[in-house]
Amino acid sequence: MTRLRLPAMPSSKDESRPAVFQPVERQRISDYVYEEVLGAIVDHRFQPGERLSIPDLAGGLGVSQMPVRQAIDRLSEEGLVDVRPRSGSYVAQADEQEVAETFDLRRALDRLAAETAVLHVCDQDIAELEDHVRKMDEAADQGSRGMGKHDRVNWEFHLLIVRLSGNEKLYEMYKQLNAHLKIATVHVSSQDWESRVPQAQREHRAMVAALRARSSSELTNALSVHVERAKAALIGDIRAARESAHRAPVRR
């Protein structure tokens, strides 16, 4: 992994500079570590339940252990990492109730976004959303090989709708939800995914049509249908994975 180039720290000889500037630099390093570890969790480079070694992370990122601990604490507060006393830190595992609650929160945020997105959307936005739908079609045509690309474009599609609301707080909250749901998607098989894409794409086209018509009620309905279907599918995958694990023979 590429080592982090640390920003130059204030010289200890410059006693006139307020000490408050040095913690700001350390916080920037902590933010960098947070984004790197978060990205590895979201991309499944770290699997649910996997132990996170602070010394190994520090060595891989080229930083001291302090900003790594700060990043782990932050991820723990967000529910993405489990910190167990005298044991260590582990990537959080999908919990059926938490997934259901996260989807419920996402549906509420979608509803808020829909109220104002229809007021801000322009023809260029519609064209961009349509392009996202086309790219998702192309990814789906590749079968399981296109699953990663489809997921990325799908997320960009939904983020664009939320950004059209003009509410930055809403936008940031929505982005944070993605990490929680990405942890759970490790249970989704490529076969299940391929069978669900056609319906998801019909729902995406309904969202674009609602935005084109500037209808908040139609957009809200399309988003709600989409989220509820995705919620039921993912919870079903979690249950199936759990049952499969219970049926698997124990290795001795």
Protein backbone atom coordinates (compact mmCIF):
# COMPACT_ATOMS: atom_id res chain seq x y z
CA MET A 1 0.00 0.00 0.00
CA THR A 2 1.26 3.51 -0.81
CA ARG A 3 2.65 5.18 2.26
CA LEU A 4 0.96 8.36 3.39
CA ARG A 5 2.96 11.55 2.86
CA LEU A 6 2.48 13.34 6.14
CA PRO A 7 1.99 17.11 6.07
CA ALA A 8 4.82 19.15 7.47
CA MET A 9 4.34 19.80 11.17
CA PRO A 10 5.06 23.19 12.77
CA SER A 11 8.65 23.61 13.88
CA SER A 12 9.23 23.19 17.60
CA LYS A 13 11.50 26.27 17.44
CA ASP A 14 8.56 28.51 16.51
CA GLU A 15 7.23 29.04 20.04
CA SER A 16 5.04 31.94 18.93
CA ARG A 17 2.69 29.66 16.95
CA PRO A 18 -0.34 28.56 18.99
CA ALA A 19 -0.29 24.87 19.98
CA VAL A 20 -3.80 24.44 18.62
CA PHE A 21 -2.45 23.99 15.07
CA GLN A 22 -0.67 20.70 15.77
CA PRO A 23 -3.81 18.70 16.77
CA VAL A 24 -5.42 19.91 13.55
CA GLU A 25 -2.67 18.18 11.57
CA ARG A 26 -3.08 14.97 13.59
CA GLN A 27 -6.81 15.08 12.98
CA ARG A 28 -6.22 15.23 9.25
CA ILE A 29 -4.17 12.03 9.48
CA SER A 30 -6.96 10.42 11.49
CA ASP A 31 -9.47 11.41 8.80
CA TYR A 32 -7.24 9.84 6.16
CA VAL A 33 -7.02 6.58 8.13
CA TYR A 34 -10.77 6.63 8.73
CA GLU A 35 -11.52 6.96 5.02
CA GLU A 36 -9.06 4.19 4.11
CA VAL A 37 -10.41 1.69 6.64
CA LEU A 38 -14.01 2.63 5.85
CA GLY A 39 -13.32 2.07 2.16
CA ALA A 40 -11.81 -1.34 2.86
CA ILE A 41 -14.89 -2.33 4.89
CA VAL A 42 -17.32 -1.09 2.24
CA ASP A 43 -15.39 -2.87 -0.55
CA HIS A 44 -15.28 -6.08 1.51
CA ARG A 45 -11.49 -6.12 1.63
CA PHE A 46 -12.15 -6.54 5.33
CA GLN A 47 -14.87 -9.12 5.86
CA PRO A 48 -17.60 -8.94 8.53
CA GLY A 49 -16.20 -10.41 11.75
CA GLU A 50 -12.57 -9.95 10.66
CA ARG A 51 -10.16 -8.72 13.33
CA LEU A 52 -8.53 -5.33 12.67
CA SER A 53 -4.94 -5.19 13.89
CA ILE A 54 -4.02 -1.65 14.86
CA PRO A 55 -0.23 -2.24 14.44
CA ASP A 56 -0.79 -3.82 11.01
CA LEU A 57 -3.05 -0.98 9.88
CA ALA A 58 -0.56 1.61 11.12
CA GLY A 59 2.27 -0.13 9.28
CA GLY A 60 0.28 -0.52 6.07
CA LEU A 61 -0.79 3.12 6.04
CA GLY A 62 2.57 4.48 7.15
CA VAL A 63 1.23 6.27 10.23
CA SER A 64 1.53 5.91 13.98
CA GLN A 65 -0.98 3.85 15.97
CA MET A 66 -2.68 6.91 17.51
CA PRO A 67 -4.61 8.06 14.38
CA VAL A 68 -5.54 4.43 13.72
CA ARG A 69 -7.03 4.15 17.21
CA GLN A 70 -8.92 7.40 16.64
CA ALA A 71 -10.30 6.12 13.33
CA ILE A 72 -11.31 2.79 14.90
CA ASP A 73 -13.10 4.64 17.72
CA ARG A 74 -14.99 6.70 15.16
CA LEU A 75 -15.99 3.62 13.18
CA SER A 76 -17.08 1.98 16.41
CA GLU A 77 -19.31 4.95 17.26
CA GLU A 78 -20.92 4.57 13.82
CA GLY A 79 -21.58 0.88 14.41
CA LEU A 80 -19.17 -0.33 11.72
CA VAL A 81 -16.57 -1.80 14.07
CA ASP A 82 -17.03 -3.80 17.27
CA VAL A 83 -14.45 -3.02 19.94
CA ARG A 84 -14.23 -5.88 22.43
CA PRO A 85 -12.31 -5.31 25.69
CA ARG A 86 -9.20 -7.49 26.00
CA SER A 87 -9.93 -9.00 22.61
CA GLY A 88 -9.56 -6.38 19.89
CA SER A 89 -11.49 -4.61 17.16
CA TYR A 90 -13.59 -6.45 14.59
CA VAL A 91 -15.56 -5.47 11.50
CA ALA A 92 -19.22 -5.42 12.51
CA GLN A 93 -21.39 -8.26 11.28
CA ALA A 94 -24.78 -7.86 9.66
CA ASP A 95 -27.63 -7.83 12.14
CA GLU A 96 -31.12 -8.39 10.79
CA GLN A 97 -32.77 -5.79 13.02
CA GLU A 98 -30.11 -3.17 12.33
CA VAL A 99 -30.45 -3.71 8.59
CA ALA A 100 -34.23 -3.30 8.84
CA GLU A 101 -33.84 -0.10 10.87
CA THR A 102 -31.26 1.27 8.44
CA PHE A 103 -33.58 0.69 5.50
CA ASP A 104 -36.42 2.38 7.39
CA LEU A 105 -34.21 5.39 7.99
CA ARG A 106 -33.17 5.40 4.35
CA ARG A 107 -36.83 5.41 3.28
CA ALA A 108 -37.47 8.41 5.51
CA LEU A 109 -34.48 10.28 4.05
CA ASP A 110 -35.61 9.41 0.53
CA ARG A 111 -39.02 10.90 1.30
CA LEU A 112 -37.42 14.14 2.49
CA ALA A 113 -35.19 14.29 -0.57
CA ALA A 114 -38.13 13.71 -2.93
CA GLU A 115 -39.99 16.75 -1.59
CA THR A 116 -37.39 19.19 -2.90
CA ALA A 117 -35.49 17.22 -5.55
CA VAL A 118 -38.37 17.76 -7.99
CA LEU A 119 -37.99 21.51 -7.48
CA HIS A 120 -34.29 21.57 -8.33
CA VAL A 121 -33.97 18.95 -11.06
CA CYS A 122 -33.12 20.17 -14.56
CA ASP A 123 -32.90 18.49 -17.96
CA GLN A 124 -29.18 17.93 -17.55
CA ASP A 125 -29.82 16.06 -14.28
CA ILE A 126 -32.42 13.89 -16.00
CA ALA A 127 -29.94 13.07 -18.76
CA GLU A 128 -27.29 12.15 -16.17
CA LEU A 129 -29.71 9.86 -14.32
CA GLU A 130 -30.70 8.20 -17.58
CA ASP A 131 -27.01 7.65 -18.34
CA HIS A 132 -26.62 5.96 -14.94
CA VAL A 133 -29.53 3.64 -15.75
CA ARG A 134 -27.91 2.79 -19.09
CA LYS A 135 -24.61 1.99 -17.39
CA MET A 136 -26.40 -0.27 -14.91
CA ASP A 137 -28.00 -2.10 -17.84
CA GLU A 138 -24.57 -2.59 -19.39
CA ALA A 139 -23.14 -3.90 -16.12
CA ALA A 140 -26.07 -6.29 -15.70
CA ASP A 141 -25.44 -7.65 -19.21
CA GLN A 142 -22.02 -8.81 -18.00
CA GLY A 143 -23.60 -11.12 -15.44
CA SER A 144 -21.79 -11.60 -12.13
CA ARG A 145 -18.69 -9.87 -13.56
CA GLY A 146 -20.64 -6.61 -13.69
CA MET A 147 -21.95 -6.81 -10.15
CA GLY A 148 -19.35 -4.45 -8.66
CA LYS A 149 -19.77 -1.84 -11.39
CA HIS A 150 -23.56 -2.02 -11.13
CA ASP A 151 -23.45 -1.47 -7.38
CA ARG A 152 -21.18 1.57 -7.75
CA VAL A 153 -23.33 3.19 -10.44
CA ASN A 154 -26.49 2.34 -8.52
CA TRP A 155 -25.15 4.15 -5.46
CA GLU A 156 -24.15 7.17 -7.56
CA PHE A 157 -27.67 7.21 -9.04
CA HIS A 158 -29.31 7.39 -5.61
CA LEU A 159 -26.79 9.93 -4.30
CA LEU A 160 -27.57 12.20 -7.24
CA ILE A 161 -31.28 12.16 -6.39
CA VAL A 162 -30.53 13.00 -2.76
CA ARG A 163 -28.10 15.75 -3.77
CA LEU A 164 -30.84 17.30 -5.90
CA SER A 165 -32.68 18.01 -2.65
CA GLY A 166 -30.13 20.75 -1.95
CA ASN A 167 -29.87 19.57 1.68
CA GLU A 168 -26.21 18.88 2.52
CA LYS A 169 -26.98 17.46 6.00
CA LEU A 170 -29.40 15.01 4.43
CA TYR A 171 -26.80 14.12 1.82
CA GLU A 172 -24.13 13.36 4.44
CA MET A 173 -26.50 11.25 6.52
CA TYR A 174 -27.51 9.29 3.45
CA LYS A 175 -23.89 8.54 2.56
CA GLN A 176 -23.23 7.23 6.06
CA LEU A 177 -26.05 4.71 5.73
CA ASN A 178 -24.33 3.10 2.75
CA ALA A 179 -21.51 1.63 4.82
CA HIS A 180 -23.95 -0.19 7.10
CA LEU A 181 -25.83 -1.69 4.17
CA LYS A 182 -22.64 -2.63 2.31
CA ILE A 183 -21.56 -4.80 5.24
CA ALA A 184 -24.77 -6.77 4.89
CA THR A 185 -24.45 -7.21 1.10
CA VAL A 186 -21.56 -9.64 1.60
CA HIS A 187 -24.32 -12.24 1.98
CA VAL A 188 -25.78 -11.57 -1.51
CA SER A 189 -24.86 -14.22 -4.05
CA SER A 190 -24.29 -13.27 -7.70
CA GLN A 191 -27.17 -15.54 -8.74
CA ASP A 192 -29.61 -13.75 -6.44
CA TRP A 193 -28.33 -10.41 -7.67
CA GLU A 194 -28.80 -11.21 -11.35
CA SER A 195 -32.40 -12.29 -10.81
CA ARG A 196 -33.24 -9.04 -9.02
CA VAL A 197 -31.66 -6.54 -11.40
CA PRO A 198 -34.54 -6.35 -13.94
CA GLN A 199 -37.03 -5.30 -11.25
CA ALA A 200 -34.57 -2.84 -9.73
CA GLN A 201 -34.02 -1.26 -13.15
CA ARG A 202 -37.77 -0.86 -13.68
CA GLU A 203 -37.88 0.95 -10.35
CA HIS A 204 -34.97 3.19 -11.34
CA ARG A 205 -36.77 4.16 -14.56
CA ALA A 206 -39.89 4.97 -12.55
CA MET A 207 -37.82 7.36 -10.41
CA VAL A 208 -36.46 9.12 -13.49
CA ALA A 209 -39.97 9.40 -14.93
CA ALA A 210 -41.23 10.93 -11.68
CA LEU A 211 -38.42 13.49 -11.69
CA ARG A 212 -39.11 14.32 -15.32
CA ALA A 213 -42.76 14.93 -14.38
CA ARG A 214 -41.62 16.96 -11.34
CA SER A 215 -43.96 14.82 -9.20
CA SER A 216 -42.82 14.44 -5.59
CA SER A 217 -45.63 11.97 -4.84
CA GLU A 218 -44.64 9.69 -7.74
CA LEU A 219 -40.98 9.92 -6.78
CA THR A 220 -41.74 9.16 -3.13
CA ASN A 221 -43.78 6.13 -4.14
CA ALA A 222 -41.11 4.83 -6.53
CA LEU A 223 -38.39 5.22 -3.90
CA SER A 224 -40.50 3.55 -1.20
CA VAL A 225 -41.27 0.54 -3.39
CA HIS A 226 -37.57 0.25 -4.27
CA VAL A 227 -36.36 0.46 -0.67
CA GLU A 228 -38.94 -1.98 0.69
CA ARG A 229 -38.07 -4.57 -1.96
CA ALA A 230 -34.36 -4.17 -1.31
CA LYS A 231 -34.95 -4.41 2.44
CA ALA A 232 -36.92 -7.67 2.14
CA ALA A 233 -34.35 -9.16 -0.25
CA LEU A 234 -31.33 -8.34 1.91
CA ILE A 235 -32.94 -9.56 5.12
CA GLY A 236 -33.84 -12.75 3.28
CA ASP A 237 -30.19 -13.13 2.23
CA ILE A 238 -29.00 -12.67 5.82
CA ARG A 239 -31.42 -15.31 7.07
CA ALA A 240 -30.42 -17.72 4.32
CA ALA A 241 -26.72 -17.21 5.08
CA ARG A 242 -27.33 -17.82 8.77
CA GLU A 243 -29.31 -21.00 8.11
CA SER A 244 -26.66 -22.23 5.69
CA ALA A 245 -23.96 -21.66 8.29
CA HIS A 246 -25.93 -23.64 10.85
CA ARG A 247 -26.33 -26.55 8.44
CA ALA A 248 -22.68 -26.63 7.47
CA PRO A 249 -20.70 -29.54 8.99
CA VAL A 250 -18.37 -28.62 11.81
CA ARG A 251 -14.68 -29.00 10.90
CA ARG A 252 -12.64 -30.95 13.43
